[in-house]
Protein backbone atom coordinates (compact mmCIF):
# COMPACT_ATOMS: atom_id res chain seq x y z
CA UNK A 1 -38.54 42.71 11.59
CA UNK A 2 -35.95 41.42 14.04
CA UNK A 3 -32.23 41.52 13.21
CA UNK A 4 -32.10 37.69 13.19
CA UNK A 5 -34.92 37.54 10.65
CA UNK A 6 -33.07 39.96 8.39
CA UNK A 7 -29.83 37.99 8.76
CA UNK A 8 -31.61 34.72 7.96
CA UNK A 9 -33.10 36.29 4.85
CA UNK A 10 -29.75 37.58 3.63
CA UNK A 11 -28.07 34.19 4.18
CA UNK A 12 -31.03 32.22 2.71
CA UNK A 13 -31.52 30.59 6.14
CA UNK A 14 -35.19 31.57 6.12
CA UNK A 15 -35.74 29.47 2.98
CA UNK A 16 -34.39 26.29 4.58
CA UNK A 17 -36.57 23.83 6.50
CA UNK A 18 -36.51 24.00 10.28
CA UNK A 19 -34.42 21.32 12.07
CA UNK A 20 -37.58 19.77 13.53
CA UNK A 21 -39.32 19.60 10.14
CA UNK A 22 -39.59 15.82 9.82
CA UNK A 23 -40.98 16.04 6.29
CA UNK A 24 -37.74 17.47 4.86
CA UNK A 25 -34.62 15.40 4.01
CA UNK A 26 -31.91 15.38 6.67
CA UNK A 27 -29.28 17.09 4.54
CA UNK A 28 -31.71 19.90 3.72
CA UNK A 29 -32.71 20.42 7.36
CA UNK A 30 -29.09 20.58 8.49
CA UNK A 31 -27.36 22.17 5.53
CA UNK A 32 -23.90 23.42 6.60
CA UNK A 33 -24.34 21.95 10.09
CA UNK A 34 -22.66 19.01 11.85
CA UNK A 35 -24.96 16.22 13.00
CA UNK A 36 -24.64 12.78 14.58
CA UNK A 37 -25.91 9.44 13.25
CA UNK A 38 -26.54 6.61 15.73
CA UNK A 39 -27.22 2.95 14.98
CA UNK A 40 -28.52 1.25 18.13
CA UNK A 41 -28.53 -2.52 18.54
CA UNK A 42 -29.45 -4.58 21.58
CA UNK A 43 -25.86 -4.86 22.83
CA UNK A 44 -23.94 -2.56 20.50
CA UNK A 45 -24.03 1.06 19.34
CA UNK A 46 -22.24 2.46 16.31
CA UNK A 47 -22.07 6.11 15.30
CA UNK A 48 -20.68 8.55 12.80
CA UNK A 49 -20.71 12.30 12.54
CA UNK A 50 -21.93 14.00 9.37
CA UNK A 51 -20.03 17.17 8.54
CA UNK A 52 -21.33 20.46 7.19
CA UNK A 53 -21.09 19.14 3.63
CA UNK A 54 -23.03 15.95 4.33
CA UNK A 55 -19.94 13.68 4.37
CA UNK A 56 -19.66 11.08 7.12
CA UNK A 57 -16.57 10.55 9.27
CA UNK A 58 -14.91 7.29 10.27
CA UNK A 59 -17.06 4.73 12.06
CA UNK A 60 -17.00 4.30 15.81
CA UNK A 61 -18.69 1.60 17.86
CA UNK A 62 -18.97 0.37 21.44
CA UNK A 63 -20.27 -2.86 22.93
CA UNK A 64 -23.00 -2.59 25.55
CA UNK A 65 -26.48 -1.20 26.06
CA UNK A 66 -27.32 2.27 24.78
CA UNK A 67 -28.07 3.75 28.22
CA UNK A 68 -24.59 2.75 29.41
CA UNK A 69 -22.80 4.05 26.33
CA UNK A 70 -24.57 7.41 26.24
CA UNK A 71 -23.70 8.00 29.89
CA UNK A 72 -20.02 8.10 28.92
CA UNK A 73 -20.24 9.34 25.32
CA UNK A 74 -23.08 11.88 25.54
CA UNK A 75 -20.98 15.01 26.10
CA UNK A 76 -18.50 14.02 23.40
CA UNK A 77 -21.33 13.38 20.95
CA UNK A 78 -22.86 16.78 21.67
CA UNK A 79 -19.52 18.52 21.06
CA UNK A 80 -19.34 16.90 17.63
CA UNK A 81 -22.60 18.53 16.48
CA UNK A 82 -24.08 21.95 15.85
CA UNK A 83 -27.15 22.05 18.08
CA UNK A 84 -26.97 18.45 19.26
CA UNK A 85 -29.14 17.01 16.48
CA UNK A 86 -29.10 13.22 15.99
CA UNK A 87 -30.51 10.78 13.47
CA UNK A 88 -31.26 7.40 15.06
CA UNK A 89 -31.58 3.88 13.68
CA UNK A 90 -33.20 1.38 16.05
CA UNK A 91 -32.71 -2.35 15.49
CA UNK A 92 -34.93 -4.02 18.03
CA UNK A 93 -38.57 -4.47 19.11
CA UNK A 94 -40.15 -4.04 15.71
CA UNK A 95 -42.02 -6.27 13.24
CA UNK A 96 -41.92 -6.04 9.45
CA UNK A 97 -44.73 -7.88 7.70
CA UNK A 98 -46.19 -8.34 4.24
CA UNK A 99 -49.83 -7.25 4.07
CA UNK A 100 -52.54 -7.23 1.40
CA UNK A 101 -55.30 -4.75 0.59
CA UNK A 102 -54.24 -1.96 2.96
CA UNK A 103 -55.81 1.41 2.27
CA UNK A 104 -53.96 3.73 -0.09
CA UNK A 105 -56.15 6.77 0.29
CA UNK A 106 -54.66 10.24 0.38
CA UNK A 107 -53.18 11.34 3.70
CA UNK A 108 -52.30 7.81 4.88
CA UNK A 109 -48.83 8.82 6.11
CA UNK A 110 -50.21 11.48 8.41
CA UNK A 111 -53.01 9.17 9.55
CA UNK A 112 -50.51 6.42 10.42
CA UNK A 113 -48.65 8.89 12.59
CA UNK A 114 -51.64 10.41 14.38
CA UNK A 115 -54.35 7.75 14.28
CA UNK A 116 -53.04 4.33 13.15
CA UNK A 117 -56.32 2.65 14.16
CA UNK A 118 -58.18 4.63 11.54
CA UNK A 119 -55.56 3.75 8.94
CA UNK A 120 -55.02 0.06 9.72
CA UNK A 121 -58.20 -1.05 11.46
CA UNK A 122 -57.81 -4.30 13.42
CA UNK A 123 -54.11 -4.57 12.49
CA UNK A 124 -53.27 -1.53 14.63
CA UNK A 125 -52.10 -2.04 18.21
CA UNK A 126 -51.64 0.44 21.03
CA UNK A 127 -48.12 1.51 21.88
CA UNK A 128 -46.72 1.07 18.38
CA UNK A 129 -45.64 3.38 15.59
CA UNK A 130 -46.22 2.45 11.97
CA UNK A 131 -45.04 3.15 8.47
CA UNK A 132 -45.59 1.28 5.22
CA UNK A 133 -44.40 0.90 1.65
CA UNK A 134 -46.88 -0.01 -1.09
CA UNK A 135 -46.14 -2.22 -4.07
CA UNK A 136 -46.98 0.12 -6.99
CA UNK A 137 -47.99 -2.81 -9.22
CA UNK A 138 -50.06 -5.02 -6.91
CA UNK A 139 -52.22 -4.94 -3.77
CA UNK A 140 -49.43 -5.81 -1.30
CA UNK A 141 -47.61 -3.55 1.17
CA UNK A 142 -44.70 -3.85 3.57
CA UNK A 143 -45.78 -2.72 7.04
CA UNK A 144 -43.37 -1.71 9.80
CA UNK A 145 -44.67 -1.76 13.37
CA UNK A 146 -42.20 -0.55 16.00
CA UNK A 147 -42.87 -0.51 19.72
CA UNK A 148 -43.07 3.04 21.02
CA UNK A 149 -41.42 2.38 24.40
CA UNK A 150 -37.80 1.93 23.17
CA UNK A 151 -38.14 5.04 20.99
CA UNK A 152 -39.35 7.10 23.94
CA UNK A 153 -36.48 5.82 26.10
CA UNK A 154 -33.87 6.63 23.47
CA UNK A 155 -35.30 10.13 22.98
CA UNK A 156 -35.30 10.71 26.76
CA UNK A 157 -31.69 9.53 27.11
CA UNK A 158 -30.62 11.84 24.30
CA UNK A 159 -32.39 14.81 25.91
CA UNK A 160 -30.67 14.14 29.23
CA UNK A 161 -27.33 14.27 27.40
CA UNK A 162 -28.24 17.59 25.77
CA UNK A 163 -28.94 16.01 22.39
CA UNK A 164 -32.01 16.29 20.17
CA UNK A 165 -33.70 13.57 18.11
CA UNK A 166 -34.19 14.75 14.54
CA UNK A 167 -35.47 11.47 13.12
CA UNK A 168 -35.90 7.84 14.16
CA UNK A 169 -35.88 4.97 11.68
CA UNK A 170 -35.44 1.21 11.63
CA UNK A 171 -32.22 0.73 9.66
CA UNK A 172 -33.06 -2.58 8.03
CA UNK A 173 -36.45 -1.22 6.88
CA UNK A 174 -34.79 1.82 5.30
CA UNK A 175 -32.43 -0.53 3.47
CA UNK A 176 -35.30 -2.74 2.29
CA UNK A 177 -37.00 0.38 0.90
CA UNK A 178 -33.81 1.20 -1.00
CA UNK A 179 -33.70 -2.32 -2.46
CA UNK A 180 -37.35 -2.06 -3.48
CA UNK A 181 -36.61 1.23 -5.26
CA UNK A 182 -33.62 -0.28 -7.07
CA UNK A 183 -35.61 -3.32 -8.20
CA UNK A 184 -38.53 -1.17 -9.32
CA UNK A 185 -36.26 1.09 -11.39
CA UNK A 186 -34.44 -1.87 -12.98
CA UNK A 187 -37.79 -3.48 -13.79
CA UNK A 188 -39.08 -0.24 -15.34
CA UNK A 189 -36.03 0.06 -17.60
CA UNK A 190 -36.21 -3.62 -18.55
CA UNK A 191 -39.88 -3.46 -19.51
CA UNK A 192 -39.44 -0.22 -21.45
CA UNK A 193 -36.99 -2.06 -23.68
CA UNK A 194 -39.33 -5.04 -24.08
CA UNK A 195 -42.83 -4.89 -22.66
CA UNK A 196 -43.26 -8.67 -22.89
CA UNK A 197 -39.97 -9.51 -21.15
CA UNK A 198 -39.82 -11.38 -17.86
CA UNK A 199 -37.90 -9.93 -14.93
CA UNK A 200 -37.79 -13.20 -13.00
CA UNK A 201 -37.63 -13.86 -9.26
CA UNK A 202 -35.62 -11.64 -6.94
CA UNK A 203 -34.81 -12.19 -3.27
CA UNK A 204 -34.10 -8.83 -1.65
CA UNK A 205 -31.94 -9.21 1.48
CA UNK A 206 -31.26 -6.31 3.87
CA UNK A 207 -29.01 -6.76 6.92
CA UNK A 208 -28.31 -4.19 9.61
CA UNK A 209 -26.68 -4.55 13.04
CA UNK A 210 -27.69 -8.20 13.47
CA UNK A 211 -31.16 -7.76 11.94
CA UNK A 212 -32.41 -9.27 8.68
CA UNK A 213 -35.32 -8.63 6.34
CA UNK A 214 -35.70 -10.75 3.19
CA UNK A 215 -38.49 -10.44 0.63
CA UNK A 216 -39.26 -12.39 -2.54
CA UNK A 217 -40.49 -10.55 -5.63
CA UNK A 218 -41.67 -12.58 -8.66
CA UNK A 219 -42.38 -10.32 -11.62
CA UNK A 220 -44.58 -7.58 -10.07
CA UNK A 221 -45.72 -9.63 -7.05
CA UNK A 222 -44.30 -9.53 -3.53
CA UNK A 223 -44.77 -13.12 -2.39
CA UNK A 224 -42.99 -13.78 0.90
CA UNK A 225 -41.18 -11.84 3.63
CA UNK A 226 -39.01 -13.00 6.53
CA UNK A 227 -37.83 -10.61 9.25
CA UNK A 228 -35.62 -11.37 12.24
CA UNK A 229 -33.85 -9.29 14.89
CA UNK A 230 -30.71 -10.31 16.83
CA UNK A 231 -30.06 -13.03 14.24
CA UNK A 232 -26.29 -12.74 13.97
CA UNK A 233 -23.24 -10.85 15.24
CA UNK A 234 -20.01 -10.85 13.21
CA UNK A 235 -20.66 -14.32 11.73
CA UNK A 236 -23.33 -14.20 9.03
CA UNK A 237 -23.83 -17.98 8.87
CA UNK A 238 -27.32 -17.67 10.47
CA UNK A 239 -28.32 -15.36 7.63
CA UNK A 240 -27.26 -17.95 5.06
CA UNK A 241 -29.13 -20.71 6.91
CA UNK A 242 -32.32 -18.66 6.89
CA UNK A 243 -32.05 -17.78 3.20
CA UNK A 244 -31.22 -21.22 1.79
CA UNK A 245 -34.79 -22.61 2.22
CA UNK A 246 -36.24 -19.46 0.64
CA UNK A 247 -33.99 -19.86 -2.41
CA UNK A 248 -34.73 -23.57 -2.67
CA UNK A 249 -38.44 -22.77 -2.63
CA UNK A 250 -38.29 -19.99 -5.24
CA UNK A 251 -36.00 -21.93 -7.59
CA UNK A 252 -32.41 -21.95 -8.90
CA UNK A 253 -32.98 -18.93 -11.16
CA UNK A 254 -33.59 -16.68 -8.15
CA UNK A 255 -31.45 -13.54 -8.15
CA UNK A 256 -30.30 -12.63 -4.62
CA UNK A 257 -29.86 -8.90 -4.13
CA UNK A 258 -27.92 -8.24 -0.92
CA UNK A 259 -27.43 -4.99 1.03
CA UNK A 260 -25.62 -4.61 4.36
CA UNK A 261 -25.05 -1.66 6.66
CA UNK A 262 -21.26 -2.10 6.29
CA UNK A 263 -19.11 -3.40 3.46
CA UNK A 264 -17.78 -6.95 3.09
CA UNK A 265 -19.30 -8.75 6.09
CA UNK A 266 -18.33 -12.13 4.58
CA UNK A 267 -21.85 -12.94 3.41
CA UNK A 268 -20.98 -13.37 -0.27
CA UNK A 269 -18.28 -15.95 0.43
CA UNK A 270 -20.51 -17.89 2.83
CA UNK A 271 -23.44 -17.88 0.42
CA UNK A 272 -21.35 -18.97 -2.56
CA UNK A 273 -19.78 -21.77 -0.52
CA UNK A 274 -23.23 -23.05 0.43
CA UNK A 275 -24.94 -22.49 -2.94
CA UNK A 276 -22.23 -22.09 -5.63
CA UNK A 277 -24.67 -21.68 -8.51
CA UNK A 278 -26.81 -18.97 -6.96
CA UNK A 279 -26.91 -15.63 -8.75
CA UNK A 280 -25.83 -13.09 -6.15
CA UNK A 281 -25.32 -9.32 -6.32
CA UNK A 282 -23.94 -7.35 -3.37
CA UNK A 283 -25.20 -3.80 -3.94
CA UNK A 284 -23.81 -2.40 -0.66
CA UNK A 285 -22.00 0.91 -1.11
CA UNK A 286 -19.58 2.65 1.29
CA UNK A 287 -21.39 4.22 4.26
CA UNK A 288 -24.58 2.48 3.14
CA UNK A 289 -26.73 2.99 6.25
CA UNK A 290 -25.41 6.46 7.06
CA UNK A 291 -26.03 7.75 3.52
CA UNK A 292 -29.58 6.38 3.59
CA UNK A 293 -30.22 8.08 6.92
CA UNK A 294 -28.92 11.33 5.44
CA UNK A 295 -31.36 11.03 2.53
CA UNK A 296 -34.46 10.22 4.64
């Protein structure tokens, strides 16, 4: 046994997942290590460091394309980490769609990663990476298809700066998954109290770095999904304009559940001014996106 192996055993390091173990949560892979979280938009990059205890520092951001920003910030980013490990959220060149009757057989996650054609059939396209979330109560699924080229370019740029990519996600998709989980748990509790109760219509709205994904759930059914990239900047009026027809279609009793990557973007005030009677809940918490990335 090597000295390092013995040291790792004595410090419990040997029982922790390896940094490149993508199946383990971020905070478990990098326990007691500093890492960097990046949120990459088309013309803007924001970032935060995560300390050894999993707490995130103050936000930083820069306007411009990622390749320009990393050329000046790369060395500083590396110095803020232990080992150069980064979690990345990409907010462009992806499609989120609502699909029916996708296979749910065992091993689908691994198959999507290694052989998406076998998992998705005719829906699969070359040069794309996939992941999906199944509705546990019906035959619908949310499918994320992200072009591989921007991911490869981001990973290459990070390597050139001495950084390592620990995980890549689409921020707005991660937030939609969190909303789905919250709705599912609330529905479970509601139905446990009264099995015949109605849970009504919910419009889940996730916004991240100018991107939007909105999905309607009526009782157990996922009925409609809208996804847009580069929809807005600091003014969220375009988000309101896109949502109003969806709410008008689903009815005045629709409950809008809103989550944003940062707190208080002005959406609530804009939405209430446009539709004063709408039932609206902003469930955004401090460090929303960064905490989700740490839990992935």
